[in-house]
Amino acid sequence: MAVISVRLNSEEEKILSYLSEYYDEEKSTIIKHSLKDLFEDIQDRETIQKFEDSTAAKRFLSAEEILKEIV
């Protein structure tokens, strides 16, 4: 397991302490969760981009268009 040192200014330390108390987790666990969340955001964006690229030629209907077809 790697050990790293992170420098935080006073505001960042307050935020980290608050989150640690709020979630009743160690500060290192809060940082790990944040890293996972950021990484998941990147993966989600990549998945969405792939979907949008594959459906570029397809047309999406607005809610109004769908309701017109139903009624």
PDB file of N, CA and C in Angstrom:
ATOM      1  N   MET A   1       0.843  -1.173   0.000  1.00  0.00           N
ATOM      2  CA  MET A   1       0.000   0.000   0.000  1.00  0.00           C
ATOM      3  C   MET A   1       0.888   1.236   0.000  1.00  0.00           C
ATOM      4  N   ALA A   2       0.516   2.179  -0.830  1.00  0.00           N
ATOM      5  CA  ALA A   2       1.283   3.423  -0.931  1.00  0.00           C
ATOM      6  C   ALA A   2       0.879   4.384   0.182  1.00  0.00           C
ATOM      7  N   VAL A   3       1.831   5.140   0.624  1.00  0.00           N
ATOM      8  CA  VAL A   3       1.580   6.184   1.615  1.00  0.00           C
ATOM      9  C   VAL A   3       1.932   7.510   0.958  1.00  0.00           C
ATOM     10  N   ILE A   4       0.991   8.454   1.018  1.00  0.00           N
ATOM     11  CA  ILE A   4       1.241   9.759   0.432  1.00  0.00           C
ATOM     12  C   ILE A   4       1.000  10.836   1.476  1.00  0.00           C
ATOM     13  N   SER A   5       1.580  11.975   1.229  1.00  0.00           N
ATOM     14  CA  SER A   5       1.391  13.129   2.100  1.00  0.00           C
ATOM     15  C   SER A   5       0.621  14.178   1.306  1.00  0.00           C
ATOM     16  N   VAL A   6      -0.410  14.729   1.926  1.00  0.00           N
ATOM     17  CA  VAL A   6      -1.239  15.720   1.249  1.00  0.00           C
ATOM     18  C   VAL A   6      -1.216  17.004   2.060  1.00  0.00           C
ATOM     19  N   ARG A   7      -0.899  18.102   1.395  1.00  0.00           N
ATOM     20  CA  ARG A   7      -0.912  19.400   2.069  1.00  0.00           C
ATOM     21  C   ARG A   7      -2.275  20.040   1.863  1.00  0.00           C
ATOM     22  N   LEU A   8      -2.874  20.483   2.954  1.00  0.00           N
ATOM     23  CA  LEU A   8      -4.166  21.142   2.896  1.00  0.00           C
ATOM     24  C   LEU A   8      -4.066  22.519   3.533  1.00  0.00           C
ATOM     25  N   ASN A   9      -4.729  23.485   2.917  1.00  0.00           N
ATOM     26  CA  ASN A   9      -4.793  24.780   3.588  1.00  0.00           C
ATOM     27  C   ASN A   9      -5.861  24.692   4.671  1.00  0.00           C
ATOM     28  N   SER A  10      -6.031  25.734   5.444  1.00  0.00           N
ATOM     29  CA  SER A  10      -6.938  25.669   6.595  1.00  0.00           C
ATOM     30  C   SER A  10      -8.384  25.422   6.180  1.00  0.00           C
ATOM     31  N   GLU A  11      -8.811  26.006   5.064  1.00  0.00           N
ATOM     32  CA  GLU A  11     -10.187  25.791   4.599  1.00  0.00           C
ATOM     33  C   GLU A  11     -10.406  24.341   4.179  1.00  0.00           C
ATOM     34  N   GLU A  12      -9.441  23.783   3.460  1.00  0.00           N
ATOM     35  CA  GLU A  12      -9.544  22.391   3.034  1.00  0.00           C
ATOM     36  C   GLU A  12      -9.532  21.450   4.238  1.00  0.00           C
ATOM     37  N   GLU A  13      -8.733  21.769   5.234  1.00  0.00           N
ATOM     38  CA  GLU A  13      -8.685  20.954   6.456  1.00  0.00           C
ATOM     39  C   GLU A  13     -10.030  20.992   7.174  1.00  0.00           C
ATOM     40  N   LYS A  14     -10.650  22.164   7.231  1.00  0.00           N
ATOM     41  CA  LYS A  14     -11.967  22.283   7.862  1.00  0.00           C
ATOM     42  C   LYS A  14     -12.996  21.440   7.118  1.00  0.00           C
ATOM     43  N   ILE A  15     -12.952  21.494   5.795  1.00  0.00           N
ATOM     44  CA  ILE A  15     -13.892  20.705   4.995  1.00  0.00           C
ATOM     45  C   ILE A  15     -13.672  19.218   5.234  1.00  0.00           C
ATOM     46  N   LEU A  16     -12.426  18.791   5.203  1.00  0.00           N
ATOM     47  CA  LEU A  16     -12.114  17.382   5.417  1.00  0.00           C
ATOM     48  C   LEU A  16     -12.538  16.931   6.816  1.00  0.00           C
ATOM     49  N   SER A  17     -12.284  17.751   7.808  1.00  0.00           N
ATOM     50  CA  SER A  17     -12.682  17.419   9.185  1.00  0.00           C
ATOM     51  C   SER A  17     -14.199  17.329   9.296  1.00  0.00           C
ATOM     52  N   TYR A  18     -14.886  18.273   8.659  1.00  0.00           N
ATOM     53  CA  TYR A  18     -16.355  18.266   8.685  1.00  0.00           C
ATOM     54  C   TYR A  18     -16.893  16.983   8.050  1.00  0.00           C
ATOM     55  N   LEU A  19     -16.368  16.639   6.877  1.00  0.00           N
ATOM     56  CA  LEU A  19     -16.823  15.427   6.194  1.00  0.00           C
ATOM     57  C   LEU A  19     -16.510  14.181   7.007  1.00  0.00           C
ATOM     58  N   SER A  20     -15.354  14.174   7.621  1.00  0.00           N
ATOM     59  CA  SER A  20     -14.963  13.041   8.444  1.00  0.00           C
ATOM     60  C   SER A  20     -15.931  12.846   9.613  1.00  0.00           C
ATOM     61  N   GLU A  21     -16.281  13.936  10.256  1.00  0.00           N
ATOM     62  CA  GLU A  21     -17.243  13.853  11.361  1.00  0.00           C
ATOM     63  C   GLU A  21     -18.640  13.507  10.865  1.00  0.00           C
ATOM     64  N   TYR A  22     -19.051  14.137   9.776  1.00  0.00           N
ATOM     65  CA  TYR A  22     -20.395  13.936   9.249  1.00  0.00           C
ATOM     66  C   TYR A  22     -20.634  12.480   8.859  1.00  0.00           C
ATOM     67  N   TYR A  23     -19.659  11.894   8.145  1.00  0.00           N
ATOM     68  CA  TYR A  23     -19.806  10.513   7.689  1.00  0.00           C
ATOM     69  C   TYR A  23     -19.251   9.488   8.668  1.00  0.00           C
ATOM     70  N   ASP A  24     -18.678   9.982   9.773  1.00  0.00           N
ATOM     71  CA  ASP A  24     -18.094   9.113  10.789  1.00  0.00           C
ATOM     72  C   ASP A  24     -17.070   8.162  10.154  1.00  0.00           C
ATOM     73  N   GLU A  25     -16.188   8.746   9.372  1.00  0.00           N
ATOM     74  CA  GLU A  25     -15.137   7.999   8.674  1.00  0.00           C
ATOM     75  C   GLU A  25     -13.796   8.670   8.936  1.00  0.00           C
ATOM     76  N   GLU A  26     -12.732   7.889   8.784  1.00  0.00           N
ATOM     77  CA  GLU A  26     -11.390   8.442   8.882  1.00  0.00           C
ATOM     78  C   GLU A  26     -11.164   9.411   7.725  1.00  0.00           C
ATOM     79  N   LYS A  27     -10.281  10.352   7.916  1.00  0.00           N
ATOM     80  CA  LYS A  27      -9.989  11.318   6.860  1.00  0.00           C
ATOM     81  C   LYS A  27      -9.448  10.636   5.609  1.00  0.00           C
ATOM     82  N   SER A  28      -8.619   9.629   5.795  1.00  0.00           N
ATOM     83  CA  SER A  28      -8.071   8.915   4.632  1.00  0.00           C
ATOM     84  C   SER A  28      -9.189   8.222   3.848  1.00  0.00           C
ATOM     85  N   THR A  29     -10.191   7.726   4.530  1.00  0.00           N
ATOM     86  CA  THR A  29     -11.322   7.076   3.866  1.00  0.00           C
ATOM     87  C   THR A  29     -12.129   8.087   3.066  1.00  0.00           C
ATOM     88  N   ILE A  30     -12.301   9.282   3.612  1.00  0.00           N
ATOM     89  CA  ILE A  30     -13.009  10.347   2.892  1.00  0.00           C
ATOM     90  C   ILE A  30     -12.261  10.685   1.603  1.00  0.00           C
ATOM     91  N   ILE A  31     -10.954  10.785   1.673  1.00  0.00           N
ATOM     92  CA  ILE A  31     -10.151  11.086   0.482  1.00  0.00           C
ATOM     93  C   ILE A  31     -10.266   9.955  -0.533  1.00  0.00           C
ATOM     94  N   LYS A  32     -10.217   8.715  -0.071  1.00  0.00           N
ATOM     95  CA  LYS A  32     -10.343   7.569  -0.974  1.00  0.00           C
ATOM     96  C   LYS A  32     -11.699   7.577  -1.679  1.00  0.00           C
ATOM     97  N   HIS A  33     -12.763   7.858  -0.928  1.00  0.00           N
ATOM     98  CA  HIS A  33     -14.103   7.922  -1.530  1.00  0.00           C
ATOM     99  C   HIS A  33     -14.165   9.033  -2.583  1.00  0.00           C
ATOM    100  N   SER A  34     -13.542  10.151  -2.285  1.00  0.00           N
ATOM    101  CA  SER A  34     -13.529  11.267  -3.238  1.00  0.00           C
ATOM    102  C   SER A  34     -12.806  10.883  -4.517  1.00  0.00           C
ATOM    103  N   LEU A  35     -11.687  10.181  -4.386  1.00  0.00           N
ATOM    104  CA  LEU A  35     -10.952   9.721  -5.564  1.00  0.00           C
ATOM    105  C   LEU A  35     -11.804   8.784  -6.415  1.00  0.00           C
ATOM    106  N   LYS A  36     -12.487   7.855  -5.744  1.00  0.00           N
ATOM    107  CA  LYS A  36     -13.351   6.925  -6.467  1.00  0.00           C
ATOM    108  C   LYS A  36     -14.458   7.676  -7.196  1.00  0.00           C
ATOM    109  N   ASP A  37     -15.076   8.642  -6.520  1.00  0.00           N
ATOM    110  CA  ASP A  37     -16.154   9.417  -7.137  1.00  0.00           C
ATOM    111  C   ASP A  37     -15.662  10.171  -8.364  1.00  0.00           C
ATOM    112  N   LEU A  38     -14.498  10.784  -8.277  1.00  0.00           N
ATOM    113  CA  LEU A  38     -13.944  11.508  -9.423  1.00  0.00           C
ATOM    114  C   LEU A  38     -13.656  10.564 -10.584  1.00  0.00           C
ATOM    115  N   PHE A  39     -13.106   9.395 -10.270  1.00  0.00           N
ATOM    116  CA  PHE A  39     -12.803   8.416 -11.308  1.00  0.00           C
ATOM    117  C   PHE A  39     -14.081   7.898 -11.954  1.00  0.00           C
ATOM    118  N   GLU A  40     -15.112   7.644 -11.148  1.00  0.00           N
ATOM    119  CA  GLU A  40     -16.393   7.195 -11.684  1.00  0.00           C
ATOM    120  C   GLU A  40     -17.015   8.261 -12.587  1.00  0.00           C
ATOM    121  N   ASP A  41     -16.852   9.529 -12.229  1.00  0.00           N
ATOM    122  CA  ASP A  41     -17.361  10.618 -13.074  1.00  0.00           C
ATOM    123  C   ASP A  41     -16.710  10.578 -14.455  1.00  0.00           C
ATOM    124  N   ILE A  42     -15.418  10.338 -14.491  1.00  0.00           N
ATOM    125  CA  ILE A  42     -14.707  10.254 -15.772  1.00  0.00           C
ATOM    126  C   ILE A  42     -15.232   9.078 -16.586  1.00  0.00           C
ATOM    127  N   GLN A  43     -15.391   7.939 -15.939  1.00  0.00           N
ATOM    128  CA  GLN A  43     -15.893   6.762 -16.642  1.00  0.00           C
ATOM    129  C   GLN A  43     -17.310   7.007 -17.168  1.00  0.00           C
ATOM    130  N   ASP A  44     -18.145   7.653 -16.373  1.00  0.00           N
ATOM    131  CA  ASP A  44     -19.503   7.967 -16.813  1.00  0.00           C
ATOM    132  C   ASP A  44     -19.483   8.872 -18.034  1.00  0.00           C
ATOM    133  N   ARG A  45     -18.648   9.918 -18.000  1.00  0.00           N
ATOM    134  CA  ARG A  45     -18.551  10.826 -19.145  1.00  0.00           C
ATOM    135  C   ARG A  45     -18.092  10.093 -20.402  1.00  0.00           C
ATOM    136  N   GLU A  46     -17.131   9.185 -20.249  1.00  0.00           N
ATOM    137  CA  GLU A  46     -16.648   8.419 -21.400  1.00  0.00           C
ATOM    138  C   GLU A  46     -17.743   7.515 -21.956  1.00  0.00           C
ATOM    139  N   THR A  47     -18.508   6.886 -21.084  1.00  0.00           N
ATOM    140  CA  THR A  47     -19.613   6.028 -21.513  1.00  0.00           C
ATOM    141  C   THR A  47     -20.675   6.844 -22.237  1.00  0.00           C
ATOM    142  N   ILE A  48     -21.017   7.995 -21.688  1.00  0.00           N
ATOM    143  CA  ILE A  48     -22.009   8.871 -22.318  1.00  0.00           C
ATOM    144  C   ILE A  48     -21.515   9.339 -23.680  1.00  0.00           C
ATOM    145  N   GLN A  49     -20.241   9.710 -23.767  1.00  0.00           N
ATOM    146  CA  GLN A  49     -19.685  10.171 -25.038  1.00  0.00           C
ATOM    147  C   GLN A  49     -19.738   9.069 -26.088  1.00  0.00           C
ATOM    148  N   LYS A  50     -19.400   7.840 -25.701  1.00  0.00           N
ATOM    149  CA  LYS A  50     -19.471   6.713 -26.636  1.00  0.00           C
ATOM    150  C   LYS A  50     -20.901   6.511 -27.122  1.00  0.00           C
ATOM    151  N   PHE A  51     -21.861   6.593 -26.202  1.00  0.00           N
ATOM    152  CA  PHE A  51     -23.270   6.447 -26.573  1.00  0.00           C
ATOM    153  C   PHE A  51     -23.693   7.554 -27.529  1.00  0.00           C
ATOM    154  N   GLU A  52     -23.336   8.789 -27.200  1.00  0.00           N
ATOM    155  CA  GLU A  52     -23.717   9.907 -28.057  1.00  0.00           C
ATOM    156  C   GLU A  52     -23.068   9.802 -29.434  1.00  0.00           C
ATOM    157  N   ASP A  53     -21.827   9.356 -29.487  1.00  0.00           N
ATOM    158  CA  ASP A  53     -21.147   9.189 -30.767  1.00  0.00           C
ATOM    159  C   ASP A  53     -21.813   8.099 -31.603  1.00  0.00           C
ATOM    160  N   SER A  54     -22.260   7.031 -30.954  1.00  0.00           N
ATOM    161  CA  SER A  54     -22.870   5.919 -31.696  1.00  0.00           C
ATOM    162  C   SER A  54     -24.288   6.250 -32.142  1.00  0.00           C
ATOM    163  N   THR A  55     -24.912   7.232 -31.535  1.00  0.00           N
ATOM    164  CA  THR A  55     -26.287   7.590 -31.884  1.00  0.00           C
ATOM    165  C   THR A  55     -26.354   8.941 -32.583  1.00  0.00           C
ATOM    166  N   ALA A  56     -25.227   9.396 -33.121  1.00  0.00           N
ATOM    167  CA  ALA A  56     -25.182  10.726 -33.736  1.00  0.00           C
ATOM    168  C   ALA A  56     -26.166  10.859 -34.887  1.00  0.00           C
ATOM    169  N   ALA A  57     -26.365   9.791 -35.668  1.00  0.00           N
ATOM    170  CA  ALA A  57     -27.252   9.868 -36.827  1.00  0.00           C
ATOM    171  C   ALA A  57     -28.714   9.642 -36.444  1.00  0.00           C
ATOM    172  N   LYS A  58     -28.957   9.194 -35.241  1.00  0.00           N
ATOM    173  CA  LYS A  58     -30.325   8.939 -34.800  1.00  0.00           C
ATOM    174  C   LYS A  58     -30.963  10.222 -34.303  1.00  0.00           C
ATOM    175  N   ARG A  59     -32.265  10.264 -34.386  1.00  0.00           N
ATOM    176  CA  ARG A  59     -33.009  11.447 -33.967  1.00  0.00           C
ATOM    177  C   ARG A  59     -33.754  11.130 -32.685  1.00  0.00           C
ATOM    178  N   PHE A  60     -33.661  12.001 -31.721  1.00  0.00           N
ATOM    179  CA  PHE A  60     -34.395  11.857 -30.484  1.00  0.00           C
ATOM    180  C   PHE A  60     -35.638  12.729 -30.540  1.00  0.00           C
ATOM    181  N   LEU A  61     -36.708  12.242 -29.948  1.00  0.00           N
ATOM    182  CA  LEU A  61     -37.961  12.978 -29.924  1.00  0.00           C
ATOM    183  C   LEU A  61     -38.088  13.764 -28.635  1.00  0.00           C
ATOM    184  N   SER A  62     -38.670  14.929 -28.740  1.00  0.00           N
ATOM    185  CA  SER A  62     -38.951  15.710 -27.534  1.00  0.00           C
ATOM    186  C   SER A  62     -40.215  15.156 -26.887  1.00  0.00           C
ATOM    187  N   ALA A  63     -40.476  15.560 -25.678  1.00  0.00           N
ATOM    188  CA  ALA A  63     -41.684  15.118 -24.985  1.00  0.00           C
ATOM    189  C   ALA A  63     -42.931  15.562 -25.737  1.00  0.00           C
ATOM    190  N   GLU A  64     -42.891  16.748 -26.287  1.00  0.00           N
ATOM    191  CA  GLU A  64     -44.029  17.270 -27.050  1.00  0.00           C
ATOM    192  C   GLU A  64     -44.309  16.410 -28.284  1.00  0.00           C
ATOM    193  N   GLU A  65     -43.248  15.983 -28.968  1.00  0.00           N
ATOM    194  CA  GLU A  65     -43.404  15.137 -30.149  1.00  0.00           C
ATOM    195  C   GLU A  65     -43.986  13.780 -29.791  1.00  0.00           C
ATOM    196  N   ILE A  66     -43.559  13.238 -28.673  1.00  0.00           N
ATOM    197  CA  ILE A  66     -44.082  11.935 -28.229  1.00  0.00           C
ATOM    198  C   ILE A  66     -45.555  12.070 -27.895  1.00  0.00           C
ATOM    199  N   LEU A  67     -45.936  13.129 -27.195  1.00  0.00           N
ATOM    200  CA  LEU A  67     -47.340  13.315 -26.845  1.00  0.00           C
ATOM    201  C   LEU A  67     -48.208  13.517 -28.077  1.00  0.00           C
ATOM    202  N   LYS A  68     -47.700  14.205 -29.084  1.00  0.00           N
ATOM    203  CA  LYS A  68     -48.463  14.387 -30.334  1.00  0.00           C
ATOM    204  C   LYS A  68     -48.728  13.057 -31.013  1.00  0.00           C
ATOM    205  N   GLU A  69     -47.756  12.142 -30.968  1.00  0.00           N
ATOM    206  CA  GLU A  69     -47.918  10.833 -31.607  1.00  0.00           C
ATOM    207  C   GLU A  69     -48.908   9.959 -30.843  1.00  0.00           C
ATOM    208  N   ILE A  70     -48.961  10.122 -29.519  1.00  0.00           N
ATOM    209  CA  ILE A  70     -49.864   9.315 -28.689  1.00  0.00           C
ATOM    210  C   ILE A  70     -51.298   9.793 -28.830  1.00  0.00           C
ATOM    211  N   VAL A  71     -51.480  11.108 -28.862  1.00  0.00           N
ATOM    212  CA  VAL A  71     -52.840  11.678 -28.879  1.00  0.00           C
ATOM    213  C   VAL A  71     -53.407  11.730 -30.247  1.00  0.00           C
TER     214      VAL A  71
END
